[in-house]
Amino acid sequence: MAGASVVALAVPGTAFAQDQGEAVESSDDDVIVITGIRSSLESALNEKRDADSLVEVIQAEDIGKLPDQNLAEVLENVTGVQITRRAGVGSGVQIRGTNENRVEINGVGTVGSGTGRGGISFEDINAAIIASVEVTKAPTAATTEGSVGGTVNLRTIRPLDLRDRVLSLRAQGEYSELSDSISPRYSASFGDNWDVGAGRIGLVLAASYAEQEATSFRPRVDRDTLIEATDGGVTAAGAPGPNYDYLGIQFLNQELENFEYETINFSGTLEFAPTDDLNFFFDMIYNDQERRQDSTRIQASGVSALRFNNVPDSFETVNFGSLGGVNLGSIEAALTGTIQPNLARDDDDPNLRFSSDTGARVTTTQVYRLGTEWKTGNLTVRVEGSVTESDTVNPNLSTTLNFINPNPLTPLDGTSNDNAVPFIYDLRNGALTFGVDFASPFAPTVADLLDPANTVLDAITASRNETENREDAFRVDLSYDTFDSLGFITSVDAGYRYTRASTRFDQIRSTFGTGAIANSPSGTLFSQLLVPGPSNFDAADGRALAFRNFLIVNPDLAFDDPDGTLDILQAALATTNGSIGDPVSDPAAFFEITEKTHALYGQLNFEFGRVRGNVGARWLDTSINSLGNNVAAGVVTPVTAGGSYTQFLPRVNVIADLTDDLVFRASFGEDINRPDFDDLSLSVNFPTGPNNAVNIGNPNLAPETVRSYDASLSWYFAPAAVFSVGVFHKERTNLFVTQEEAAALDANGFRDITPPCEGGGIFNPLPDRNVLSNVPGNGLCVPIQTIVNDPGTTKQSGIEVAFQYDLSGFEDTLGFASGFGVIANYTYQEFSGGTLTNTSDADSRGTEILESSSGLTGPFTAVQGLLDFSPHAYNVTLFYEKYGLSARARYTWRDEFRTLDTAGGASLGSTIGFPVVTEARGQLNASINYDVTDFLNIGVEGVNLTKSKITQSCINSGALLCFQGLPDRRLTFGASLSF
């Protein structure tokens, strides 16, 4: 970590006359105070410089004025931090290449909405109620365990620290370009403290209401069907194919993600100090968020059934590069062409289906902290109790319709519930474009595609899963000042912390898949529910080729009246003797896990001359109890498992002020990363897709251990300025690695449809078999995915460089130009070690593809390594602050990284067995604000101004283009009042 990467906030101050760096006199204390952006820079740098461990600090210049609207995007300013996005909105944070980080609010641990360990989602908290953000990368003994990269602490204002009353109001609107909508945002803050005779009392209240809509287009093309030269492939017209092996089209999927957020946040802090040596405090954070998903997937399925009859019009050469030291060679892959029905070969493929993914995440999160701090003589005692709880419901009503092409050349075969539709694709210029081939004699018309009589109901999922998470904690921290008695030992710290963490998951679901035309009611029976789907798939990049004409079940009705919508669908199913029923709890998927931890720590703080620091250790004792159900022959039997472990975690930090401006830091520490609760589960949750892997929990997972080394040198060469260089090294054992077992295909490309799946995988009774079996119906063998510990040691090393400077010191010389400043940082990191691998066998077609490209005998393997890990990353912010005007432009770039986050539900079973590579990408954000008066500020902020795209490749960077992401451009505008 670079020694001092503290981020400037390029937003205006509250007073028009207080330009950057201007000195003003405080009437209260008769001291000189620096205001504006320079104030926040200096304050953050001073906090960083005085810290007893390696931290990064982002401070709001005024309450609620962090530099971005989204907390993940706020953290993207920090050296060594990269983020991931959902539909263009910051959602995940990687610190030094890892997602395994701890999130706190005012030092209290948080819980998320799911069954993981990541803490509260950064989507759930409006940055307007947060005053500052602290990222601890090198912990002290007192730092709560459970982080690999770092601990993020979101801090609210402490009322007794206020010098003046704070009252601010803000109103904004956010325009989402792809959604073509404007969403409101409101926030308000109040803070003050008073002398009440019996001491001082302080109060801070902050509240916000925000709506947001974000859209992203995610086309997917699976080219993992090997056509060998000896297969005798021909064009649709019957001409012979090429005399070489090539990759044909296996699946086309056009996904539109649309998320609508409604978030209410409230924070309050009350402090009471009867004396200077005694303080009581109470904090509360309340969050209520509904994230509605209104997404569509338009799928061209059954394509591979015609693989020998639709030789592409053109090809591209794909170089797979190397994995695990093995050169995988190159192969030709389909680039342009059409996919025409051939009834002599297959009488109902390729087929077209329309899916509407209509769901929501409704989460209420509450954080309470009550405590006191008391100082008597040399002893300081701090006692604190906290409760964090999160309740989440996931209402969902998702449907899939099959299109029945009325073209007389494509009659129904009387068994399957779909029939043939021609497609066209063009994958040139790095764009995955495809659609219905309207030039084909087999093609339907636009009117046909929008006629309910030409659709049938294929599948329904209705659910309202429930997740309850809670963490209760109690801690006592003691610090004894020993400077006068022990010389260079300035103080001795000790403490105890008890934590009880729990999660409870209940799957409440009902599903129905028709499988055959006799079981598939016509769309005319529920036509009142059907509406045209989104037709703006060209809005992101102007593509001419896309699926634009289709019907879906009205997502607004599915949201607003799910019971009524389900009743209409049930009435339609009754005509074919089908039934979905109301959602019910599935005992096989239920689990409840409780974890208790006792932690003790001790620490010596020292200072001699220009050297200071601390040395200490933390000892943990953790026990886990897991409850699930075993369901056999309809009989539910509770099953339990338990375990415990202890851990000793030494931690050392040394800071040396080599000169007045040069600071050296070094640290060593150990930490643990506990497995996610769902990865320990004893239960099984079956997805509804035929290619989706079933996640199987592993109650024997051990916690990951992390040993970290840091060193940095920081030069504070001017006020609010720094240049720093740091290095870090981590050694990790028991790394969590995803492993997948494929479900085998036979010579005809079919899967086993009966348990116990001797060829691999697990029997899933839910999915429509579609093209994976020649027997219509539901249920087949699907892949298994699980998390295991890597027995090898992995190593991660990196360099971080940070620079921060402004020209405010040259106002007399430069005039208006003295308002300019720059913040920049760069991170390089590398990863090595590990023994567990991904394998091409995870994709039932993967090994034969790579055998063809390389000429070698498979299977092919490669160490998985760290997911979401970018070797290089940087960001540069140019800002201007003067004459009431504040402007900034930040360009953020991160290198390629491997990930399991793909479009359309793709897993290792459909990406040739290996995590995909998200290619290197940059993004430009900017803002401009102006102080109209002493109290009124107006401004606008833009996110992803250049509409930067996301590209994902299979096997290696630059190899086989598999997925695209076309995220939104968002503009936020508004005004704020401060008194």
Foldseek 3Di string as FASTA:
>chain_A
DWQEFEDFAQDWWLFLVQFQQDWDADPPPRDTARATRLNQLQVQRVCSQPDQAHKYKYFASAQQRQNDFFVLVSCLSGFQKDFDDDLQHTWAIDRNFARFEFEEEVLHGACDLDQFHNGHTSVFDTSRQFGMKMWGQADAQPRDFAGFRTYIYTYGDDQVPDPDWWWKKWKWWKAWQVVRDIWIKIKIKTKHKDQPPLFIKIKIKIKMKTKDKWKWKKKFWFQQDKDALVNQAAALVRHTADNGIETETAKIKIKMKMKMKIKIKMKMKMKTDSDPFKIKIKIKIKMKMKIKIWMKMKMFHPQVLCVRHHHAPDWDKFQLQDFPPARLFIHIYHAWGKRFDDCVSPQFDRWIKMKIKTKMKIKIKMKMKIWMWGDDDQKIKIKMKMKIKMKIKMWTKMFMKTFEAPQPVRDDPQWFQGGYFMKIFHCPPNDTFIEGPPVDSSHHDLVSQQDQQRIWTFKIKGWIKMKMKMKIKIKMKMKGQCCVPPPFFGIKIKMKMKMKIKMKIWTFMWMDGQQTNLQIFTSVLVVVQKDWDAQVPCSQPNDPGHYRRHIDGNSVCCVPPVPVSQVSVQVRSVVSPDHGDGTGTDQQAIKMKMKMKMKIKMKTWGDDDQKTHMWIKMKMKMKMKMWGWDADPNDTDIDMDMDIDMDMKIKIKMWGCPDVFKIKIKMKIKHWHAGRSVLLHCHWDFDAAQAFATEHHDVPQDIKMKIKIKIKMWGRPDSSWIKMKMKMKMKIFQDKDKAKKAQAAPPSQAGAFDPPRPRAAHKDFHYFRPSNDPRTDGIGGYMYMHIGTFHKMKMKMKMKIKTWDFQCVCCVPPPQRRQKIKIKMKMAMDMDMTDDWWWLVSANSLQVVSCSSNVDHDTDIHGQTRFSGFRIWMKMKMWGIGSQKIKIKMKIKTAKGFHQDHPPNDGCRSLSGHTKIWGIWMAMKMKMKGDPRSFKMWMKIKTRVVQIKIWIHGSDPSGHTTMIMRRIIMMMIIMMTID
